[in-house]
Protein backbone atom coordinates (compact mmCIF):
# COMPACT_ATOMS: atom_id res chain seq x y z
CA MET A 1 33.27 95.17 -59.14
CA ARG A 2 30.71 94.44 -61.81
CA LEU A 3 29.50 97.13 -64.18
CA THR A 4 25.96 96.65 -65.40
CA PRO A 5 23.57 99.13 -67.01
CA ASP A 6 21.98 99.58 -63.56
CA ARG A 7 25.37 100.33 -62.01
CA VAL A 8 26.09 102.91 -64.73
CA VAL A 9 22.77 104.59 -63.89
CA ALA A 10 23.67 104.61 -60.19
CA GLU A 11 27.06 106.23 -60.88
CA TYR A 12 25.42 108.75 -63.22
CA GLU A 13 22.98 109.73 -60.47
CA TRP A 14 25.83 110.05 -57.96
CA VAL A 15 27.78 112.33 -60.32
CA ARG A 16 24.68 114.51 -60.89
CA GLU A 17 24.05 114.73 -57.14
CA ARG A 18 27.65 115.81 -56.59
CA GLU A 19 26.81 119.01 -58.49
CA PRO A 20 27.18 121.51 -55.59
CA THR A 21 30.71 120.34 -54.79
CA VAL A 22 31.85 119.91 -58.39
CA VAL A 23 30.40 123.16 -59.77
CA ALA A 24 32.04 125.13 -56.96
CA LEU A 25 35.37 123.44 -57.70
CA ILE A 26 34.98 124.02 -61.46
CA ASN A 27 34.44 127.74 -60.89
CA GLU A 28 37.31 128.01 -58.39
CA THR A 29 39.57 126.23 -60.87
CA ARG A 30 38.47 128.45 -63.75
CA ASP A 31 39.03 131.58 -61.67
CA ALA A 32 42.52 130.47 -60.64
CA LEU A 33 43.49 129.41 -64.16
CA GLY A 34 42.05 132.63 -65.60
CA ASP A 35 44.18 134.64 -63.18
CA ARG A 36 47.30 132.69 -64.12
CA PHE A 37 46.68 133.05 -67.85
CA GLY A 38 45.42 136.64 -67.73
CA THR A 39 41.98 135.90 -69.13
CA ASP A 40 38.39 135.85 -68.00
CA VAL A 41 36.76 132.45 -68.03
CA ALA A 42 33.00 132.14 -67.83
CA SER A 43 31.66 130.38 -64.78
CA VAL A 44 29.66 127.17 -65.06
CA SER A 45 26.09 127.00 -63.84
CA PRO A 46 24.58 123.98 -62.11
CA ALA A 47 22.27 123.51 -65.13
CA ALA A 48 25.23 123.47 -67.55
CA TYR A 49 26.99 120.90 -65.36
CA ARG A 50 23.91 118.65 -65.30
CA GLU A 51 23.54 118.90 -69.09
CA ALA A 52 27.19 117.93 -69.55
CA VAL A 53 26.81 115.00 -67.16
CA ASP A 54 23.79 113.90 -69.19
CA ALA A 55 25.83 114.13 -72.42
CA VAL A 56 28.67 112.01 -71.01
CA PHE A 57 26.37 109.34 -69.66
CA THR A 58 24.10 109.25 -72.72
CA ASP A 59 26.99 107.91 -74.81
CA GLY A 60 27.11 104.28 -73.65
CA GLU A 61 30.73 103.71 -74.65
CA VAL A 62 31.85 106.71 -72.63
CA ALA A 63 29.34 106.12 -69.83
CA VAL A 64 30.57 102.65 -68.93
CA ASN A 65 34.17 103.85 -68.68
CA ALA A 66 33.29 106.98 -66.73
CA ALA A 67 31.10 104.93 -64.38
CA GLY A 68 33.92 102.46 -63.81
CA TYR A 69 36.38 105.19 -62.86
CA VAL A 70 33.79 106.87 -60.62
CA ALA A 71 32.94 103.62 -58.85
CA ILE A 72 36.59 102.75 -58.22
CA LEU A 73 37.51 106.22 -56.95
CA ARG A 74 34.45 106.39 -54.68
CA ASP A 75 35.62 103.24 -52.93
CA LEU A 76 39.42 103.52 -53.24
CA ASP A 77 41.24 103.86 -49.96
CA VAL A 78 44.84 103.16 -49.04
CA ALA A 79 46.16 102.85 -45.52
CA ASN A 80 48.02 106.07 -44.68
CA ASP A 81 47.01 107.41 -48.16
CA TYR A 82 50.49 108.33 -49.43
CA PRO A 83 51.49 104.85 -50.65
CA GLY A 84 48.40 104.91 -52.88
CA PHE A 85 49.09 108.36 -54.23
CA VAL A 86 49.89 107.14 -57.73
CA VAL A 87 46.83 104.95 -58.29
CA ASP A 88 44.29 107.61 -57.37
CA GLU A 89 46.15 110.15 -59.51
CA VAL A 90 46.17 107.81 -62.51
CA LEU A 91 42.49 107.00 -62.16
CA GLY A 92 41.53 110.64 -61.58
CA ARG A 93 43.43 111.83 -64.62
CA ALA A 94 41.89 109.07 -66.76
CA LEU A 95 38.39 110.03 -65.62
CA ALA A 96 39.00 113.72 -66.39
CA GLU A 97 40.28 112.81 -69.86
CA THR A 98 37.31 110.52 -70.50
CA ILE A 99 34.83 113.24 -69.58
CA ALA A 100 36.57 115.93 -71.67
CA GLY A 101 36.57 113.92 -74.89
CA GLY A 102 39.23 113.52 -77.54
CA GLN A 103 42.39 115.48 -78.18
CA PRO A 104 43.32 118.20 -77.44
CA LEU A 105 40.69 118.47 -74.69
CA SER A 106 41.66 115.22 -72.99
CA LEU A 107 45.25 116.42 -72.62
CA LEU A 108 44.06 119.70 -71.14
CA ALA A 109 41.72 117.88 -68.75
CA GLY A 110 44.56 115.65 -67.55
CA ALA A 111 46.74 118.67 -66.82
CA THR A 112 43.85 120.52 -65.20
CA PHE A 113 43.15 117.49 -63.00
CA HIS A 114 46.49 117.93 -61.25
CA PHE A 115 45.85 121.65 -60.79
CA ALA A 116 42.37 121.04 -59.33
CA ASP A 117 43.62 118.16 -57.20
CA ILE A 118 46.04 120.30 -55.21
CA HIS A 119 43.10 122.55 -54.27
CA THR A 120 40.80 119.69 -53.26
CA HIS A 121 40.68 117.81 -49.99
CA GLY A 122 38.10 115.27 -48.92
CA ALA A 123 36.29 115.33 -45.63
CA ASP A 124 37.63 113.41 -42.64
CA GLY A 125 36.73 109.77 -43.05
CA ASP A 126 36.34 109.93 -46.85
CA PRO A 127 38.18 107.26 -48.82
CA ALA A 128 41.42 108.58 -50.36
CA GLY A 129 39.96 108.51 -53.88
CA VAL A 130 37.07 110.91 -53.21
CA ASP A 131 39.08 114.12 -53.45
CA ASP A 132 40.67 112.84 -56.66
CA LEU A 133 37.19 112.01 -57.92
CA ASP A 134 35.99 115.56 -57.26
CA ALA A 135 39.09 116.98 -58.94
CA ALA A 136 38.59 114.68 -61.94
CA LEU A 137 34.94 115.64 -62.35
CA ALA A 138 35.82 119.32 -62.08
CA ALA A 139 38.72 119.07 -64.53
CA GLY A 140 36.85 116.99 -67.07
CA PHE A 141 33.67 119.02 -67.07
CA GLN A 142 35.36 122.42 -66.90
CA THR A 143 37.37 121.44 -69.97
CA ARG A 144 34.36 120.06 -71.82
CA LEU A 145 32.11 123.06 -71.14
CA PRO A 146 32.30 126.38 -73.00
CA GLY A 147 33.67 129.51 -71.39
CA TRP A 148 37.25 129.74 -72.56
CA GLU A 149 37.71 132.54 -75.10
CA TRP A 150 40.05 130.49 -77.31
CA ARG A 151 37.30 127.90 -77.76
CA GLU A 152 34.60 130.42 -78.61
CA LYS A 153 35.92 131.23 -82.09
CA PRO A 154 37.18 129.07 -84.95
CA SER A 155 40.81 128.03 -84.81
CA PRO A 156 43.06 129.87 -87.25
CA PHE A 157 44.72 126.53 -87.98
CA GLY A 158 41.73 124.90 -89.69
CA VAL A 159 42.26 124.20 -93.39
CA ASP A 160 39.59 125.30 -95.85
CA VAL A 161 38.80 122.34 -98.04
CA ASP A 162 36.83 122.72 -101.25
CA ASP A 163 34.33 119.95 -101.84
C-alpha cells in the first residue's frame, strides 16, 4: 500500500460517504452507554459527523495516519476471520484513538471501540476489517464530538495559574 495525498483524499471521501452507517452506530453507542452510566448523551447529526471528519482530515499529520488505518481495514480479510481477530482489533482501536485526539479522549475512544465493535457486524461478503472500521469510526467520532455532560463544563481539576 502506498499513501499519497490523493489516497488520503480518497479515504477521506470514503469516510464521509460512510456517514449513514457511522452516525447510526454513534447514536446507538451513545444511547447504550448513556443507559449504562445513567446519563443522557446528545445524539450526533450527520452534519456534525461530516464537520468532525473534515477536522480530522484537515490536519495532515492526523489525516495520513487515519487514512492508512482506514485503507488497511477496508481491505483486511482473514480466512475464517477468527485467526485474524487480534489484528483488526488493534487497527480498529488505533484508528478510534487517532480520531479522538490526545489523552484522555484517545483512551476513552479505545475502550469505546470494543463496546461498539460487539454491536457491529459487517454484511455478508465484507472483508473482516469492515465491521471493525465502522466501530472505530463510531468510537473515535463519538468521543471527539460534544454531547457528554462531563465535557460540557470546565473540569474541577484545572489549576488556576496567575500570569
